[in-house]
Amino acid sequence: MKQNYDITRQMQVDLMKAYKTVCETCWSQQEAYERMVKQPAPRYYVSAKQACQVISPMLRGDFEMVNLMTPTRRRMYYSLFNEVIRLSEKRDFIGKGLIYIMREAVTRPAPEFFISPTRAKIIRAWLKNGLYDEDGCFKKETQKWYGNMRERQRIRKEKKEKWMLEKMSEETKATKQ
């Protein structure tokens, strides 16, 4: 599915606000990340179109697609599914199409951010290291830095894989002798 970067940027900004509200009362960074992602979110961070693609089969009783998702995404879509059911029973939404209801549902407050503490830690590091500005927009001057960092990670991973293959081949040769 195509990513909506305006929603992603808004989530980054809202995550940082949530972090600032919980960090002072936490004993560790890990506790701060765990509490941050469990904070109520101002909205569901998914587009109405993406949500319709998942919720529509759920309304027909087909939960296969959502059950294949990660536990966090699954919780988000089940929560959104319940929100759609609640909205569809309201007078203003009776007889309206799913996309109409979904546009309202995704902008409703969500019970949590529906991301893992590990993902929240990564996003905060990006913001802290200057990859994004305070508004969540990608800084052009940091593109090179980020690209170099990703390249170093790729090279490190390749070296580790090469070393593991060499180590395994040495062990196989030793067992054959």
Protein backbone atom coordinates (compact mmCIF):
# COMPACT_ATOMS: atom_id res chain seq x y z
CA MET A 1 0.00 0.00 0.00
CA LYS A 2 1.17 3.51 -0.76
CA GLN A 3 2.35 5.51 2.24
CA ASN A 4 0.72 8.86 2.99
CA TYR A 5 3.64 10.99 4.16
CA ASP A 6 1.47 13.82 5.51
CA ILE A 7 -0.05 11.33 7.97
CA THR A 8 3.41 9.95 8.77
CA ARG A 9 4.76 13.42 9.50
CA GLN A 10 1.77 14.18 11.71
CA MET A 11 2.39 10.96 13.65
CA GLN A 12 6.02 11.97 14.20
CA VAL A 13 5.00 15.35 15.59
CA ASP A 14 2.32 13.78 17.82
CA LEU A 15 4.76 11.11 19.03
CA MET A 16 7.24 13.76 20.10
CA LYS A 17 4.48 15.57 22.02
CA ALA A 18 3.54 12.28 23.72
CA TYR A 19 7.20 11.64 24.56
CA LYS A 20 7.54 15.08 26.15
CA THR A 21 4.48 14.44 28.34
CA VAL A 22 5.70 11.07 29.68
CA CYS A 23 9.51 11.33 29.73
CA GLU A 24 9.78 13.32 32.94
CA THR A 25 7.89 10.72 34.97
CA CYS A 26 9.76 7.66 33.66
CA TRP A 27 12.73 5.89 35.22
CA SER A 28 14.28 4.81 31.93
CA GLN A 29 14.19 5.52 28.20
CA GLN A 30 12.62 2.11 27.55
CA GLU A 31 9.79 2.87 29.99
CA ALA A 32 9.30 6.24 28.27
CA TYR A 33 8.97 4.56 24.85
CA GLU A 34 6.56 1.96 26.20
CA ARG A 35 4.38 4.58 27.84
CA MET A 36 4.64 6.94 24.87
CA VAL A 37 3.15 4.47 22.37
CA LYS A 38 0.31 3.63 24.78
CA GLN A 39 -0.71 7.29 25.06
CA PRO A 40 -4.00 8.17 23.32
CA ALA A 41 -3.29 9.39 19.79
CA PRO A 42 -5.13 12.32 18.17
CA ARG A 43 -6.10 10.11 15.19
CA TYR A 44 -5.50 6.77 13.48
CA TYR A 45 -2.36 7.10 11.37
CA VAL A 46 -3.71 5.49 8.23
CA SER A 47 -5.49 6.98 5.23
CA ALA A 48 -9.19 6.37 4.71
CA LYS A 49 -8.42 4.54 1.46
CA GLN A 50 -5.90 2.19 3.12
CA ALA A 51 -8.31 1.53 5.98
CA CYS A 52 -11.16 0.77 3.55
CA GLN A 53 -9.04 -1.87 1.82
CA VAL A 54 -8.66 -3.73 5.11
CA ILE A 55 -11.98 -2.96 6.85
CA SER A 56 -14.21 -3.74 3.85
CA PRO A 57 -13.42 -7.49 3.90
CA MET A 58 -13.76 -7.47 7.69
CA LEU A 59 -17.31 -6.12 7.37
CA ARG A 60 -18.10 -9.09 5.10
CA GLY A 61 -16.69 -11.47 7.72
CA ASP A 62 -13.31 -12.06 6.06
CA PHE A 63 -10.61 -11.46 8.68
CA GLU A 64 -7.81 -13.28 6.82
CA MET A 65 -5.94 -10.17 5.69
CA VAL A 66 -5.95 -8.50 9.10
CA ASN A 67 -5.02 -11.71 10.92
CA LEU A 68 -1.83 -11.96 8.82
CA MET A 69 -0.64 -8.55 10.04
CA THR A 70 1.69 -7.85 12.92
CA PRO A 71 -0.03 -7.77 16.33
CA THR A 72 0.25 -3.98 16.53
CA ARG A 73 -1.31 -3.37 13.09
CA ARG A 74 -3.95 -6.01 13.84
CA ARG A 75 -4.92 -4.16 17.06
CA MET A 76 -5.17 -0.91 15.11
CA TYR A 77 -7.46 -2.34 12.45
CA TYR A 78 -9.67 -4.12 14.99
CA SER A 79 -9.97 -0.85 16.91
CA LEU A 80 -10.78 0.99 13.69
CA PHE A 81 -13.27 -1.73 12.77
CA ASN A 82 -15.08 -1.19 16.09
CA GLU A 83 -15.06 2.57 15.48
CA VAL A 84 -16.63 2.06 12.03
CA ILE A 85 -19.34 -0.17 13.54
CA ARG A 86 -20.10 2.48 16.20
CA LEU A 87 -20.24 5.29 13.62
CA SER A 88 -22.41 3.33 11.19
CA GLU A 89 -25.07 2.97 13.90
CA LYS A 90 -25.28 6.74 14.42
CA ARG A 91 -28.08 8.67 12.73
CA ASP A 92 -25.71 10.88 10.68
CA PHE A 93 -24.01 7.86 9.09
CA ILE A 94 -26.93 5.51 8.38
CA GLY A 95 -27.04 4.73 4.67
CA LYS A 96 -23.64 6.31 3.98
CA GLY A 97 -20.87 4.50 2.10
CA LEU A 98 -17.86 2.96 3.79
CA ILE A 99 -15.40 5.57 2.48
CA TYR A 100 -17.59 8.35 3.92
CA ILE A 101 -17.67 6.66 7.32
CA MET A 102 -13.96 5.81 7.11
CA ARG A 103 -12.97 9.44 6.49
CA GLU A 104 -14.57 10.29 9.81
CA ALA A 105 -13.32 7.18 11.63
CA VAL A 106 -9.60 7.65 10.86
CA THR A 107 -9.68 11.23 12.16
CA ARG A 108 -11.23 10.18 15.49
CA PRO A 109 -8.91 9.90 18.51
CA ALA A 110 -7.23 6.50 18.72
CA PRO A 111 -6.70 4.69 22.03
CA GLU A 112 -2.94 4.42 21.36
CA PHE A 113 -0.35 5.10 18.64
CA PHE A 114 -0.34 1.47 17.44
CA ILE A 115 3.41 1.24 16.92
CA SER A 116 6.00 -0.74 18.84
CA PRO A 117 8.27 0.93 21.39
CA THR A 118 11.21 -0.06 19.17
CA ARG A 119 9.71 1.80 16.20
CA ALA A 120 9.01 4.83 18.41
CA LYS A 121 12.64 4.78 19.53
CA ILE A 122 13.80 4.82 15.89
CA ILE A 123 11.48 7.69 14.97
CA ARG A 124 12.62 9.71 17.99
CA ALA A 125 16.26 9.08 17.05
CA TRP A 126 15.58 10.37 13.54
CA LEU A 127 14.03 13.52 14.96
CA LYS A 128 16.71 13.91 17.62
CA ASN A 129 19.55 13.46 15.10
CA GLY A 130 18.11 16.14 12.87
CA LEU A 131 16.76 13.99 10.04
CA TYR A 132 13.40 15.70 10.48
CA ASP A 133 12.63 19.16 11.77
CA GLU A 134 10.16 19.90 14.57
CA ASP A 135 7.25 19.91 12.09
CA GLY A 136 8.13 16.37 11.00
CA CYS A 137 9.36 17.48 7.56
CA PHE A 138 12.38 15.78 6.03
CA LYS A 139 15.39 18.10 6.03
CA LYS A 140 17.11 18.28 2.65
CA GLU A 141 20.55 18.92 4.18
CA THR A 142 20.41 15.65 6.14
CA GLN A 143 19.58 13.44 3.16
CA LYS A 144 23.26 12.83 2.47
CA TRP A 145 23.93 11.96 6.11
CA TYR A 146 21.04 9.51 6.18
CA GLY A 147 22.07 7.93 2.88
CA ASN A 148 25.65 7.49 4.13
CA MET A 149 24.39 5.95 7.37
CA ARG A 150 22.21 3.46 5.47
CA GLU A 151 25.15 2.60 3.19
CA ARG A 152 27.41 1.96 6.21
CA GLN A 153 24.72 -0.29 7.70
CA ARG A 154 24.43 -2.22 4.42
CA ILE A 155 28.21 -2.70 4.17
CA ARG A 156 28.40 -3.82 7.81
CA LYS A 157 25.60 -6.35 7.20
CA GLU A 158 27.31 -7.71 4.07
CA LYS A 159 30.62 -8.11 5.95
CA LYS A 160 28.88 -9.96 8.77
CA GLU A 161 27.08 -12.28 6.32
CA LYS A 162 30.35 -12.95 4.48
CA TRP A 163 32.11 -13.72 7.76
CA MET A 164 29.28 -16.09 8.80
CA LEU A 165 29.48 -17.95 5.46
CA GLU A 166 33.26 -18.29 5.77
CA LYS A 167 32.91 -19.53 9.34
CA MET A 168 30.28 -22.09 8.29
CA SER A 169 32.38 -23.33 5.38
CA GLU A 170 35.40 -23.73 7.69
CA GLU A 171 33.29 -25.75 10.12
CA THR A 172 31.99 -28.00 7.31
CA LYS A 173 35.52 -28.59 6.06
CA ALA A 174 36.65 -29.48 9.60
CA THR A 175 33.81 -31.98 10.06
CA LYS A 176 34.55 -33.69 6.71
CA GLN A 177 38.19 -34.32 7.67
